[in-house]
PDB file of N, CA and C in Angstrom:
ATOM      1  N   VAL A   1      23.595 168.817 106.407  1.00  0.00           N
ATOM      2  CA  VAL A   1      22.693 168.739 105.273  1.00  0.00           C
ATOM      3  C   VAL A   1      21.396 169.481 105.588  1.00  0.00           C
ATOM      4  N   LEU A   2      20.821 169.175 106.751  1.00  0.00           N
ATOM      5  CA  LEU A   2      19.553 169.815 107.116  1.00  0.00           C
ATOM      6  C   LEU A   2      19.699 171.315 107.294  1.00  0.00           C
ATOM      7  N   GLN A   3      20.759 171.723 107.943  1.00  0.00           N
ATOM      8  CA  GLN A   3      20.966 173.154 108.148  1.00  0.00           C
ATOM      9  C   GLN A   3      21.132 173.869 106.813  1.00  0.00           C
ATOM     10  N   ALA A   4      21.902 173.280 105.921  1.00  0.00           N
ATOM     11  CA  ALA A   4      22.119 173.905 104.611  1.00  0.00           C
ATOM     12  C   ALA A   4      20.805 174.073 103.861  1.00  0.00           C
ATOM     13  N   ILE A   5      19.947 173.070 103.914  1.00  0.00           N
ATOM     14  CA  ILE A   5      18.684 173.127 103.178  1.00  0.00           C
ATOM     15  C   ILE A   5      17.656 173.994 103.892  1.00  0.00           C
ATOM     16  N   ALA A   6      17.401 173.687 105.167  1.00  0.00           N
ATOM     17  CA  ALA A   6      16.307 174.343 105.887  1.00  0.00           C
ATOM     18  C   ALA A   6      16.635 175.759 106.345  1.00  0.00           C
ATOM     19  N   VAL A   7      17.855 175.979 106.786  1.00  0.00           N
ATOM     20  CA  VAL A   7      18.213 177.283 107.347  1.00  0.00           C
ATOM     21  C   VAL A   7      18.818 178.208 106.295  1.00  0.00           C
ATOM     22  N   GLU A   8      19.741 177.669 105.517  1.00  0.00           N
ATOM     23  CA  GLU A   8      20.465 178.495 104.553  1.00  0.00           C
ATOM     24  C   GLU A   8      19.835 178.507 103.165  1.00  0.00           C
ATOM     25  N   SER A   9      18.800 177.721 102.966  1.00  0.00           N
ATOM     26  CA  SER A   9      18.123 177.597 101.657  1.00  0.00           C
ATOM     27  C   SER A   9      19.112 177.289 100.531  1.00  0.00           C
ATOM     28  N   ALA A  10      20.078 176.457 100.845  1.00  0.00           N
ATOM     29  CA  ALA A  10      21.109 176.099  99.870  1.00  0.00           C
ATOM     30  C   ALA A  10      20.787 174.765  99.206  1.00  0.00           C
ATOM     31  N   SER A  11      21.313 174.581  98.040  1.00  0.00           N
ATOM     32  CA  SER A  11      21.244 173.276  97.385  1.00  0.00           C
ATOM     33  C   SER A  11      22.356 172.411  97.961  1.00  0.00           C
ATOM     34  N   VAL A  12      22.117 171.116  98.017  1.00  0.00           N
ATOM     35  CA  VAL A  12      23.087 170.212  98.625  1.00  0.00           C
ATOM     36  C   VAL A  12      23.364 169.047  97.686  1.00  0.00           C
ATOM     37  N   LEU A  13      24.623 168.712  97.541  1.00  0.00           N
ATOM     38  CA  LEU A  13      25.037 167.524  96.812  1.00  0.00           C
ATOM     39  C   LEU A  13      25.679 166.592  97.826  1.00  0.00           C
ATOM     40  N   VAL A  14      25.118 165.397  97.973  1.00  0.00           N
ATOM     41  CA  VAL A  14      25.659 164.420  98.911  1.00  0.00           C
ATOM     42  C   VAL A  14      26.343 163.334  98.107  1.00  0.00           C
ATOM     43  N   HIS A  15      27.614 163.124  98.398  1.00  0.00           N
ATOM     44  CA  HIS A  15      28.372 162.094  97.692  1.00  0.00           C
ATOM     45  C   HIS A  15      29.336 161.445  98.676  1.00  0.00           C
ATOM     46  N   CYS A  16      29.239 160.155  98.806  1.00  0.00           N
ATOM     47  CA  CYS A  16      30.165 159.421  99.659  1.00  0.00           C
ATOM     48  C   CYS A  16      31.195 158.727  98.785  1.00  0.00           C
ATOM     49  N   SER A  17      32.192 158.169  99.395  1.00  0.00           N
ATOM     50  CA  SER A  17      33.321 157.611  98.648  1.00  0.00           C
ATOM     51  C   SER A  17      32.903 156.617  97.573  1.00  0.00           C
ATOM     52  N   ASP A  18      31.974 155.739  97.883  1.00  0.00           N
ATOM     53  CA  ASP A  18      31.534 154.780  96.870  1.00  0.00           C
ATOM     54  C   ASP A  18      30.195 155.181  96.260  1.00  0.00           C
ATOM     55  N   GLY A  19      29.524 156.152  96.867  1.00  0.00           N
ATOM     56  CA  GLY A  19      28.289 156.682  96.300  1.00  0.00           C
ATOM     57  C   GLY A  19      27.072 155.799  96.456  1.00  0.00           C
ATOM     58  N   TRP A  20      27.154 154.750  97.235  1.00  0.00           N
ATOM     59  CA  TRP A  20      26.032 153.818  97.310  1.00  0.00           C
ATOM     60  C   TRP A  20      25.309 153.889  98.644  1.00  0.00           C
ATOM     61  N   ASP A  21      25.885 153.238  99.634  1.00  0.00           N
ATOM     62  CA  ASP A  21      25.154 152.989 100.869  1.00  0.00           C
ATOM     63  C   ASP A  21      24.972 154.223 101.750  1.00  0.00           C
ATOM     64  N   ARG A  22      26.043 154.852 102.119  1.00  0.00           N
ATOM     65  CA  ARG A  22      25.937 155.987 103.040  1.00  0.00           C
ATOM     66  C   ARG A  22      25.196 157.163 102.417  1.00  0.00           C
ATOM     67  N   THR A  23      25.340 157.319 101.123  1.00  0.00           N
ATOM     68  CA  THR A  23      24.627 158.402 100.442  1.00  0.00           C
ATOM     69  C   THR A  23      23.127 158.246 100.641  1.00  0.00           C
ATOM     70  N   SER A  24      22.630 157.042 100.455  1.00  0.00           N
ATOM     71  CA  SER A  24      21.197 156.790 100.632  1.00  0.00           C
ATOM     72  C   SER A  24      20.768 157.002 102.073  1.00  0.00           C
ATOM     73  N   GLN A  25      21.594 156.586 103.011  1.00  0.00           N
ATOM     74  CA  GLN A  25      21.252 156.778 104.416  1.00  0.00           C
ATOM     75  C   GLN A  25      21.141 158.267 104.756  1.00  0.00           C
ATOM     76  N   VAL A  26      22.139 159.028 104.380  1.00  0.00           N
ATOM     77  CA  VAL A  26      22.156 160.460 104.704  1.00  0.00           C
ATOM     78  C   VAL A  26      20.999 161.194 104.027  1.00  0.00           C
ATOM     79  N   CYS A  27      20.805 160.942 102.748  1.00  0.00           N
ATOM     80  CA  CYS A  27      19.726 161.621 102.015  1.00  0.00           C
ATOM     81  C   CYS A  27      18.355 161.217 102.537  1.00  0.00           C
ATOM     82  N   SER A  28      18.199 159.950 102.869  1.00  0.00           N
ATOM     83  CA  SER A  28      16.915 159.468 103.371  1.00  0.00           C
ATOM     84  C   SER A  28      16.579 160.077 104.719  1.00  0.00           C
ATOM     85  N   LEU A  29      17.541 160.114 105.609  1.00  0.00           N
ATOM     86  CA  LEU A  29      17.286 160.714 106.922  1.00  0.00           C
ATOM     87  C   LEU A  29      17.007 162.210 106.791  1.00  0.00           C
ATOM     88  N   GLY A  30      17.708 162.860 105.895  1.00  0.00           N
ATOM     89  CA  GLY A  30      17.445 164.276 105.656  1.00  0.00           C
ATOM     90  C   GLY A  30      16.033 164.515 105.168  1.00  0.00           C
ATOM     91  N   ALA A  31      15.598 163.729 104.194  1.00  0.00           N
ATOM     92  CA  ALA A  31      14.237 163.869 103.662  1.00  0.00           C
ATOM     93  C   ALA A  31      13.200 163.585 104.737  1.00  0.00           C
ATOM     94  N   LEU A  32      13.455 162.581 105.553  1.00  0.00           N
ATOM     95  CA  LEU A  32      12.537 162.219 106.632  1.00  0.00           C
ATOM     96  C   LEU A  32      12.376 163.367 107.631  1.00  0.00           C
ATOM     97  N   LEU A  33      13.469 164.030 107.933  1.00  0.00           N
ATOM     98  CA  LEU A  33      13.419 165.137 108.887  1.00  0.00           C
ATOM     99  C   LEU A  33      12.836 166.408 108.280  1.00  0.00           C
ATOM    100  N   LEU A  34      13.032 166.598 106.995  1.00  0.00           N
ATOM    101  CA  LEU A  34      12.551 167.819 106.348  1.00  0.00           C
ATOM    102  C   LEU A  34      11.074 167.774 105.968  1.00  0.00           C
ATOM    103  N   ASP A  35      10.531 166.600 105.712  1.00  0.00           N
ATOM    104  CA  ASP A  35       9.152 166.482 105.233  1.00  0.00           C
ATOM    105  C   ASP A  35       8.332 165.624 106.189  1.00  0.00           C
ATOM    106  N   SER A  36       7.411 166.238 106.894  1.00  0.00           N
ATOM    107  CA  SER A  36       6.610 165.524 107.893  1.00  0.00           C
ATOM    108  C   SER A  36       5.739 164.428 107.283  1.00  0.00           C
ATOM    109  N   TYR A  37       5.439 164.507 105.999  1.00  0.00           N
ATOM    110  CA  TYR A  37       4.646 163.454 105.350  1.00  0.00           C
ATOM    111  C   TYR A  37       5.340 162.102 105.482  1.00  0.00           C
ATOM    112  N   TYR A  38       6.660 162.085 105.393  1.00  0.00           N
ATOM    113  CA  TYR A  38       7.403 160.835 105.490  1.00  0.00           C
ATOM    114  C   TYR A  38       7.439 160.291 106.912  1.00  0.00           C
ATOM    115  N   ARG A  39       6.927 161.058 107.855  1.00  0.00           N
ATOM    116  CA  ARG A  39       6.832 160.585 109.228  1.00  0.00           C
ATOM    117  C   ARG A  39       5.450 160.007 109.531  1.00  0.00           C
ATOM    118  N   THR A  40       4.615 159.876 108.484  1.00  0.00           N
ATOM    119  CA  THR A  40       3.344 159.159 108.600  1.00  0.00           C
ATOM    120  C   THR A  40       3.559 157.746 108.054  1.00  0.00           C
ATOM    121  N   ILE A  41       2.667 156.831 108.390  1.00  0.00           N
ATOM    122  CA  ILE A  41       2.803 155.454 107.900  1.00  0.00           C
ATOM    123  C   ILE A  41       2.746 155.425 106.378  1.00  0.00           C
ATOM    124  N   LYS A  42       1.740 156.059 105.812  1.00  0.00           N
ATOM    125  CA  LYS A  42       1.607 156.074 104.353  1.00  0.00           C
ATOM    126  C   LYS A  42       2.822 156.747 103.705  1.00  0.00           C
ATOM    127  N   GLY A  43       3.252 157.844 104.267  1.00  0.00           N
ATOM    128  CA  GLY A  43       4.397 158.566 103.724  1.00  0.00           C
ATOM    129  C   GLY A  43       5.682 157.760 103.782  1.00  0.00           C
ATOM    130  N   PHE A  44       5.893 157.050 104.879  1.00  0.00           N
ATOM    131  CA  PHE A  44       7.110 156.251 105.016  1.00  0.00           C
ATOM    132  C   PHE A  44       7.133 155.113 104.007  1.00  0.00           C
ATOM    133  N   MET A  45       5.997 154.458 103.811  1.00  0.00           N
ATOM    134  CA  MET A  45       5.934 153.372 102.832  1.00  0.00           C
ATOM    135  C   MET A  45       6.138 153.918 101.418  1.00  0.00           C
ATOM    136  N   THR A  46       5.524 155.044 101.124  1.00  0.00           N
ATOM    137  CA  THR A  46       5.725 155.689  99.822  1.00  0.00           C
ATOM    138  C   THR A  46       7.201 156.020  99.634  1.00  0.00           C
ATOM    139  N   PHE A  47       7.803 156.535 100.665  1.00  0.00           N
ATOM    140  CA  PHE A  47       9.210 156.913 100.673  1.00  0.00           C
ATOM    141  C   PHE A  47      10.114 155.719 100.344  1.00  0.00           C
ATOM    142  N   LEU A  48       9.848 154.581 100.977  1.00  0.00           N
ATOM    143  CA  LEU A  48      10.692 153.402 100.765  1.00  0.00           C
ATOM    144  C   LEU A  48      10.561 152.827  99.366  1.00  0.00           C
ATOM    145  N   ILE A  49       9.358 152.820  98.838  1.00  0.00           N
ATOM    146  CA  ILE A  49       9.093 152.119  97.585  1.00  0.00           C
ATOM    147  C   ILE A  49       9.171 153.031  96.365  1.00  0.00           C
ATOM    148  N   SER A  50       9.080 154.320  96.579  1.00  0.00           N
ATOM    149  CA  SER A  50       9.076 155.262  95.454  1.00  0.00           C
ATOM    150  C   SER A  50      10.441 155.355  94.781  1.00  0.00           C
ATOM    151  N   ASN A  51      10.487 156.102  93.724  1.00  0.00           N
ATOM    152  CA  ASN A  51      11.746 156.333  93.018  1.00  0.00           C
ATOM    153  C   ASN A  51      12.717 157.178  93.825  1.00  0.00           C
ATOM    154  N   LEU A  52      12.257 157.746  94.921  1.00  0.00           N
ATOM    155  CA  LEU A  52      13.132 158.614  95.699  1.00  0.00           C
ATOM    156  C   LEU A  52      14.262 157.855  96.377  1.00  0.00           C
ATOM    157  N   ASN A  53      13.987 156.650  96.830  1.00  0.00           N
ATOM    158  CA  ASN A  53      14.970 156.080  97.731  1.00  0.00           C
ATOM    159  C   ASN A  53      15.231 154.600  97.610  1.00  0.00           C
ATOM    160  N   TRP A  54      15.122 153.934  98.700  1.00  0.00           N
ATOM    161  CA  TRP A  54      15.744 152.648  98.944  1.00  0.00           C
ATOM    162  C   TRP A  54      15.616 151.600  97.863  1.00  0.00           C
ATOM    163  N   PHE A  55      14.442 151.162  97.576  1.00  0.00           N
ATOM    164  CA  PHE A  55      14.316 149.982  96.728  1.00  0.00           C
ATOM    165  C   PHE A  55      14.373 150.314  95.254  1.00  0.00           C
ATOM    166  N   GLN A  56      14.631 151.557  94.935  1.00  0.00           N
ATOM    167  CA  GLN A  56      14.864 151.944  93.555  1.00  0.00           C
ATOM    168  C   GLN A  56      16.301 152.397  93.348  1.00  0.00           C
ATOM    169  N   SER A  57      16.943 152.885  94.403  1.00  0.00           N
ATOM    170  CA  SER A  57      18.230 153.535  94.172  1.00  0.00           C
ATOM    171  C   SER A  57      19.429 152.937  94.887  1.00  0.00           C
ATOM    172  N   VAL A  58      19.233 152.215  95.966  1.00  0.00           N
ATOM    173  CA  VAL A  58      20.395 151.698  96.675  1.00  0.00           C
ATOM    174  C   VAL A  58      21.041 150.595  95.843  1.00  0.00           C
ATOM    175  N   HIS A  59      22.302 150.745  95.614  1.00  0.00           N
ATOM    176  CA  HIS A  59      23.039 149.791  94.784  1.00  0.00           C
ATOM    177  C   HIS A  59      22.977 148.399  95.402  1.00  0.00           C
ATOM    178  N   GLU A  60      22.443 147.453  94.667  1.00  0.00           N
ATOM    179  CA  GLU A  60      22.395 146.053  95.065  1.00  0.00           C
ATOM    180  C   GLU A  60      21.822 145.848  96.466  1.00  0.00           C
ATOM    181  N   ILE A  61      20.676 146.456  96.721  1.00  0.00           N
ATOM    182  CA  ILE A  61      20.050 146.352  98.041  1.00  0.00           C
ATOM    183  C   ILE A  61      19.776 144.902  98.418  1.00  0.00           C
ATOM    184  N   PHE A  62      19.413 144.091  97.446  1.00  0.00           N
ATOM    185  CA  PHE A  62      19.103 142.693  97.733  1.00  0.00           C
ATOM    186  C   PHE A  62      20.344 141.959  98.231  1.00  0.00           C
ATOM    187  N   PHE A  63      21.487 142.205  97.583  1.00  0.00           N
ATOM    188  CA  PHE A  63      22.733 141.606  98.045  1.00  0.00           C
ATOM    189  C   PHE A  63      23.113 142.159  99.414  1.00  0.00           C
ATOM    190  N   ARG A  64      22.901 143.441  99.619  1.00  0.00           N
ATOM    191  CA  ARG A  64      23.263 144.064 100.886  1.00  0.00           C
ATOM    192  C   ARG A  64      22.504 143.419 102.048  1.00  0.00           C
ATOM    193  N   CYS A  65      21.276 143.008 101.797  1.00  0.00           N
ATOM    194  CA  CYS A  65      20.449 142.393 102.841  1.00  0.00           C
ATOM    195  C   CYS A  65      20.719 140.898 102.980  1.00  0.00           C
ATOM    196  N   CYS A  66      21.692 140.386 102.221  1.00  0.00           N
ATOM    197  CA  CYS A  66      22.115 138.992 102.309  1.00  0.00           C
ATOM    198  C   CYS A  66      20.998 138.025 101.929  1.00  0.00           C
ATOM    199  N   GLN A  67      20.263 138.336 100.876  1.00  0.00           N
ATOM    200  CA  GLN A  67      19.170 137.469 100.471  1.00  0.00           C
ATOM    201  C   GLN A  67      19.521 136.603  99.272  1.00  0.00           C
ATOM    202  N   LEU A  68      20.650 136.801  98.702  1.00  0.00           N
ATOM    203  CA  LEU A  68      21.088 135.992  97.570  1.00  0.00           C
ATOM    204  C   LEU A  68      22.508 135.521  97.822  1.00  0.00           C
ATOM    205  N   ASP A  69      22.841 134.411  97.201  1.00  0.00           N
ATOM    206  CA  ASP A  69      24.228 133.972  97.269  1.00  0.00           C
ATOM    207  C   ASP A  69      25.077 134.970  96.497  1.00  0.00           C
ATOM    208  N   GLY A  70      26.160 135.342  97.083  1.00  0.00           N
ATOM    209  CA  GLY A  70      27.036 136.306  96.440  1.00  0.00           C
ATOM    210  C   GLY A  70      28.274 136.514  97.280  1.00  0.00           C
ATOM    211  N   ASP A  71      29.023 137.504  96.947  1.00  0.00           N
ATOM    212  CA  ASP A  71      30.254 137.820  97.648  1.00  0.00           C
ATOM    213  C   ASP A  71      29.937 138.294  99.068  1.00  0.00           C
ATOM    214  N   PRO A  72      30.410 137.580 100.091  1.00  0.00           N
ATOM    215  CA  PRO A  72      30.148 137.991 101.475  1.00  0.00           C
ATOM    216  C   PRO A  72      30.662 139.397 101.794  1.00  0.00           C
ATOM    217  N   LYS A  73      31.637 139.869 101.029  1.00  0.00           N
ATOM    218  CA  LYS A  73      32.164 141.217 101.249  1.00  0.00           C
ATOM    219  C   LYS A  73      31.147 142.289 100.874  1.00  0.00           C
ATOM    220  N   GLU A  74      30.154 141.913 100.078  1.00  0.00           N
ATOM    221  CA  GLU A  74      29.140 142.872  99.631  1.00  0.00           C
ATOM    222  C   GLU A  74      27.956 142.975 100.592  1.00  0.00           C
ATOM    223  N   ILE A  75      27.894 142.082 101.581  1.00  0.00           N
ATOM    224  CA  ILE A  75      26.800 142.121 102.545  1.00  0.00           C
ATOM    225  C   ILE A  75      27.025 143.299 103.482  1.00  0.00           C
ATOM    226  N   SER A  76      25.982 144.042 103.711  1.00  0.00           N
ATOM    227  CA  SER A  76      26.081 145.224 104.556  1.00  0.00           C
ATOM    228  C   SER A  76      24.731 145.475 105.214  1.00  0.00           C
ATOM    229  N   PRO A  77      24.733 145.853 106.468  1.00  0.00           N
ATOM    230  CA  PRO A  77      23.464 146.117 107.154  1.00  0.00           C
ATOM    231  C   PRO A  77      22.927 147.520 106.873  1.00  0.00           C
ATOM    232  N   VAL A  78      23.119 148.006 105.664  1.00  0.00           N
ATOM    233  CA  VAL A  78      22.797 149.397 105.344  1.00  0.00           C
ATOM    234  C   VAL A  78      21.324 149.726 105.611  1.00  0.00           C
ATOM    235  N   PHE A  79      20.418 148.845 105.236  1.00  0.00           N
ATOM    236  CA  PHE A  79      19.000 149.129 105.461  1.00  0.00           C
ATOM    237  C   PHE A  79      18.653 149.004 106.939  1.00  0.00           C
ATOM    238  N   THR A  80      19.242 148.025 107.612  1.00  0.00           N
ATOM    239  CA  THR A  80      19.032 147.880 109.053  1.00  0.00           C
ATOM    240  C   THR A  80      19.547 149.117 109.783  1.00  0.00           C
ATOM    241  N   GLN A  81      20.690 149.630 109.368  1.00  0.00           N
ATOM    242  CA  GLN A  81      21.225 150.852 109.978  1.00  0.00           C
ATOM    243  C   GLN A  81      20.280 152.027 109.766  1.00  0.00           C
ATOM    244  N   PHE A  82      19.715 152.123 108.577  1.00  0.00           N
ATOM    245  CA  PHE A  82      18.757 153.193 108.308  1.00  0.00           C
ATOM    246  C   PHE A  82      17.547 153.063 109.227  1.00  0.00           C
ATOM    247  N   LEU A  83      16.975 151.857 109.320  1.00  0.00           N
ATOM    248  CA  LEU A  83      15.810 151.663 110.191  1.00  0.00           C
ATOM    249  C   LEU A  83      16.154 151.956 111.646  1.00  0.00           C
ATOM    250  N   GLU A  84      17.350 151.597 112.067  1.00  0.00           N
ATOM    251  CA  GLU A  84      17.760 151.892 113.438  1.00  0.00           C
ATOM    252  C   GLU A  84      17.886 153.401 113.662  1.00  0.00           C
ATOM    253  N   SER A  85      18.377 154.105 112.674  1.00  0.00           N
ATOM    254  CA  SER A  85      18.452 155.568 112.778  1.00  0.00           C
ATOM    255  C   SER A  85      17.062 156.177 112.886  1.00  0.00           C
ATOM    256  N   VAL A  86      16.133 155.652 112.090  1.00  0.00           N
ATOM    257  CA  VAL A  86      14.745 156.128 112.165  1.00  0.00           C
ATOM    258  C   VAL A  86      14.176 155.800 113.540  1.00  0.00           C
ATOM    259  N   TRP A  87      14.451 154.599 114.028  1.00  0.00           N
ATOM    260  CA  TRP A  87      13.972 154.213 115.355  1.00  0.00           C
ATOM    261  C   TRP A  87      14.490 155.186 116.417  1.00  0.00           C
ATOM    262  N   ASN A  88      15.777 155.538 116.332  1.00  0.00           N
ATOM    263  CA  ASN A  88      16.333 156.499 117.291  1.00  0.00           C
ATOM    264  C   ASN A  88      15.581 157.822 117.250  1.00  0.00           C
ATOM    265  N   LEU A  89      15.217 158.260 116.063  1.00  0.00           N
ATOM    266  CA  LEU A  89      14.438 159.499 115.940  1.00  0.00           C
ATOM    267  C   LEU A  89      13.051 159.348 116.556  1.00  0.00           C
ATOM    268  N   THR A  90      12.425 158.173 116.348  1.00  0.00           N
ATOM    269  CA  THR A  90      11.089 157.961 116.929  1.00  0.00           C
ATOM    270  C   THR A  90      11.152 157.900 118.449  1.00  0.00           C
ATOM    271  N   GLU A  91      12.260 157.445 118.984  1.00  0.00           N
ATOM    272  CA  GLU A  91      12.431 157.411 120.438  1.00  0.00           C
ATOM    273  C   GLU A  91      12.657 158.816 121.002  1.00  0.00           C
ATOM    274  N   GLN A  92      13.402 159.634 120.278  1.00  0.00           N
ATOM    275  CA  GLN A  92      13.695 160.989 120.742  1.00  0.00           C
ATOM    276  C   GLN A  92      12.523 161.942 120.551  1.00  0.00           C
ATOM    277  N   PHE A  93      11.769 161.741 119.466  1.00  0.00           N
ATOM    278  CA  PHE A  93      10.670 162.644 119.120  1.00  0.00           C
ATOM    279  C   PHE A  93       9.409 161.854 118.772  1.00  0.00           C
ATOM    280  N   PRO A  94       8.865 161.089 119.726  1.00  0.00           N
ATOM    281  CA  PRO A  94       7.730 160.212 119.409  1.00  0.00           C
ATOM    282  C   PRO A  94       6.510 160.956 118.878  1.00  0.00           C
ATOM    283  N   GLN A  95       6.305 162.171 119.324  1.00  0.00           N
ATOM    284  CA  GLN A  95       5.143 162.945 118.881  1.00  0.00           C
ATOM    285  C   GLN A  95       5.243 163.363 117.417  1.00  0.00           C
ATOM    286  N   ALA A  96       6.424 163.308 116.840  1.00  0.00           N
ATOM    287  CA  ALA A  96       6.615 163.729 115.445  1.00  0.00           C
ATOM    288  C   ALA A  96       6.378 162.596 114.449  1.00  0.00           C
ATOM    289  N   PHE A  97       6.192 161.373 114.947  1.00  0.00           N
ATOM    290  CA  PHE A  97       6.051 160.212 114.071  1.00  0.00           C
ATOM    291  C   PHE A  97       4.723 159.513 114.299  1.00  0.00           C
ATOM    292  N   GLU A  98       4.128 159.047 113.217  1.00  0.00           N
ATOM    293  CA  GLU A  98       2.881 158.287 113.296  1.00  0.00           C
ATOM    294  C   GLU A  98       3.174 156.813 113.577  1.00  0.00           C
ATOM    295  N   TYR A  99       4.388 156.383 113.378  1.00  0.00           N
ATOM    296  CA  TYR A  99       4.750 154.980 113.561  1.00  0.00           C
ATOM    297  C   TYR A  99       5.740 154.836 114.711  1.00  0.00           C
ATOM    298  N   ASN A 100       5.963 153.559 115.087  1.00  0.00           N
ATOM    299  CA  ASN A 100       6.808 153.279 116.236  1.00  0.00           C
ATOM    300  C   ASN A 100       7.727 152.087 115.953  1.00  0.00           C
ATOM    301  N   GLU A 101       8.334 151.586 117.003  1.00  0.00           N
ATOM    302  CA  GLU A 101       9.280 150.481 116.894  1.00  0.00           C
ATOM    303  C   GLU A 101       8.654 149.238 116.255  1.00  0.00           C
ATOM    304  N   ALA A 102       7.431 148.912 116.621  1.00  0.00           N
ATOM    305  CA  ALA A 102       6.774 147.717 116.078  1.00  0.00           C
ATOM    306  C   ALA A 102       6.633 147.810 114.556  1.00  0.00           C
ATOM    307  N   PHE A 103       6.288 148.970 114.062  1.00  0.00           N
ATOM    308  CA  PHE A 103       6.149 149.192 112.620  1.00  0.00           C
ATOM    309  C   PHE A 103       7.490 149.009 111.915  1.00  0.00           C
ATOM    310  N   LEU A 104       8.540 149.588 112.469  1.00  0.00           N
ATOM    311  CA  LEU A 104       9.872 149.482 111.865  1.00  0.00           C
ATOM    312  C   LEU A 104      10.383 148.040 111.895  1.00  0.00           C
ATOM    313  N   LEU A 105      10.107 147.329 112.980  1.00  0.00           N
ATOM    314  CA  LEU A 105      10.504 145.922 113.057  1.00  0.00           C
ATOM    315  C   LEU A 105       9.758 145.076 112.036  1.00  0.00           C
ATOM    316  N   GLN A 106       8.494 145.387 111.821  1.00  0.00           N
ATOM    317  CA  GLN A 106       7.711 144.649 110.833  1.00  0.00           C
ATOM    318  C   GLN A 106       8.289 144.858 109.426  1.00  0.00           C
ATOM    319  N   ILE A 107       8.659 146.079 109.110  1.00  0.00           N
ATOM    320  CA  ILE A 107       9.286 146.344 107.807  1.00  0.00           C
ATOM    321  C   ILE A 107      10.580 145.547 107.684  1.00  0.00           C
ATOM    322  N   HIS A 108      11.390 145.581 108.728  1.00  0.00           N
ATOM    323  CA  HIS A 108      12.656 144.845 108.711  1.00  0.00           C
ATOM    324  C   HIS A 108      12.417 143.356 108.468  1.00  0.00           C
ATOM    325  N   GLU A 109      11.444 142.793 109.150  1.00  0.00           N
ATOM    326  CA  GLU A 109      11.129 141.370 108.976  1.00  0.00           C
ATOM    327  C   GLU A 109      10.668 141.077 107.551  1.00  0.00           C
ATOM    328  N   HIS A 110       9.845 141.943 106.986  1.00  0.00           N
ATOM    329  CA  HIS A 110       9.343 141.725 105.629  1.00  0.00           C
ATOM    330  C   HIS A 110      10.455 141.828 104.586  1.00  0.00           C
ATOM    331  N   VAL A 111      11.383 142.724 104.789  1.00  0.00           N
ATOM    332  CA  VAL A 111      12.507 142.852 103.856  1.00  0.00           C
ATOM    333  C   VAL A 111      13.302 141.551 103.812  1.00  0.00           C
ATOM    334  N   HIS A 112      13.480 140.935 104.964  1.00  0.00           N
ATOM    335  CA  HIS A 112      14.293 139.721 105.037  1.00  0.00           C
ATOM    336  C   HIS A 112      13.502 138.434 104.820  1.00  0.00           C
ATOM    337  N   SER A 113      12.184 138.508 104.763  1.00  0.00           N
ATOM    338  CA  SER A 113      11.365 137.297 104.604  1.00  0.00           C
ATOM    339  C   SER A 113      11.255 136.825 103.158  1.00  0.00           C
ATOM    340  N   CYS A 114      11.523 137.698 102.215  1.00  0.00           N
ATOM    341  CA  CYS A 114      11.408 137.392 100.775  1.00  0.00           C
ATOM    342  C   CYS A 114       9.978 137.046 100.366  1.00  0.00           C
ATOM    343  N   GLN A 115       8.982 137.552 101.073  1.00  0.00           N
ATOM    344  CA  GLN A 115       7.585 137.267 100.756  1.00  0.00           C
ATOM    345  C   GLN A 115       6.950 138.299  99.839  1.00  0.00           C
ATOM    346  N   PHE A 116       7.523 139.477  99.747  1.00  0.00           N
ATOM    347  CA  PHE A 116       6.885 140.565  99.027  1.00  0.00           C
ATOM    348  C   PHE A 116       7.757 141.045  97.875  1.00  0.00           C
ATOM    349  N   GLY A 117       7.155 141.211  96.715  1.00  0.00           N
ATOM    350  CA  GLY A 117       7.878 141.593  95.510  1.00  0.00           C
ATOM    351  C   GLY A 117       8.593 142.919  95.598  1.00  0.00           C
ATOM    352  N   ASN A 118       8.056 143.854  96.378  1.00  0.00           N
ATOM    353  CA  ASN A 118       8.708 145.161  96.500  1.00  0.00           C
ATOM    354  C   ASN A 118      10.101 145.052  97.104  1.00  0.00           C
ATOM    355  N   PHE A 119      10.329 144.012  97.882  1.00  0.00           N
ATOM    356  CA  PHE A 119      11.600 143.862  98.573  1.00  0.00           C
ATOM    357  C   PHE A 119      12.508 142.831  97.917  1.00  0.00           C
ATOM    358  N   LEU A 120      12.130 142.349  96.748  1.00  0.00           N
ATOM    359  CA  LEU A 120      12.936 141.348  96.053  1.00  0.00           C
ATOM    360  C   LEU A 120      13.714 141.988  94.911  1.00  0.00           C
ATOM    361  N   GLY A 121      14.905 141.495  94.678  1.00  0.00           N
ATOM    362  CA  GLY A 121      15.702 141.975  93.554  1.00  0.00           C
ATOM    363  C   GLY A 121      16.451 143.254  93.854  1.00  0.00           C
ATOM    364  N   ASN A 122      17.469 143.506  93.046  1.00  0.00           N
ATOM    365  CA  ASN A 122      18.298 144.697  93.201  1.00  0.00           C
ATOM    366  C   ASN A 122      17.786 145.891  92.418  1.00  0.00           C
ATOM    367  N   CYS A 123      16.855 145.661  91.509  1.00  0.00           N
ATOM    368  CA  CYS A 123      16.333 146.745  90.686  1.00  0.00           C
ATOM    369  C   CYS A 123      14.947 146.349  90.172  1.00  0.00           C
ATOM    370  N   GLN A 124      14.275 147.294  89.550  1.00  0.00           N
ATOM    371  CA  GLN A 124      12.934 147.037  89.038  1.00  0.00           C
ATOM    372  C   GLN A 124      12.939 145.896  88.021  1.00  0.00           C
ATOM    373  N   LYS A 125      13.956 145.840  87.196  1.00  0.00           N
ATOM    374  CA  LYS A 125      14.050 144.787  86.185  1.00  0.00           C
ATOM    375  C   LYS A 125      14.095 143.401  86.834  1.00  0.00           C
ATOM    376  N   GLU A 126      14.827 143.248  87.916  1.00  0.00           N
ATOM    377  CA  GLU A 126      14.923 141.958  88.597  1.00  0.00           C
ATOM    378  C   GLU A 126      13.623 141.576  89.296  1.00  0.00           C
ATOM    379  N   ARG A 127      12.816 142.568  89.688  1.00  0.00           N
ATOM    380  CA  ARG A 127      11.549 142.266  90.347  1.00  0.00           C
ATOM    381  C   ARG A 127      10.571 141.713  89.346  1.00  0.00           C
TER     382      ARG A 127
END
């Protein structure tokens, strides 16, 4: 994805079998690597909450994080996997990121704490 966009100046369509979880992970990591703004604290928070990604577009993110009663088959660590991927990047290229492991862990804790409206519900309507 990155090579196609950055090197070949090509347009990219990312589509996974179900179009939900992995698509968001791949596109999010690509955007993070392509735009240094998203590697700042303010940029990363904007990235998560904006219409671009996670809390606006991931299908049933609230169910995926196991915060509501529902079908156990629908629970998936998709957001945790994304944060872990970001953490791996911060470990490999610490100078490229304004944030670190503590910041990512704090976000993870807040997503699962149900204390903040941005992390509640599967869509804007539910919030």
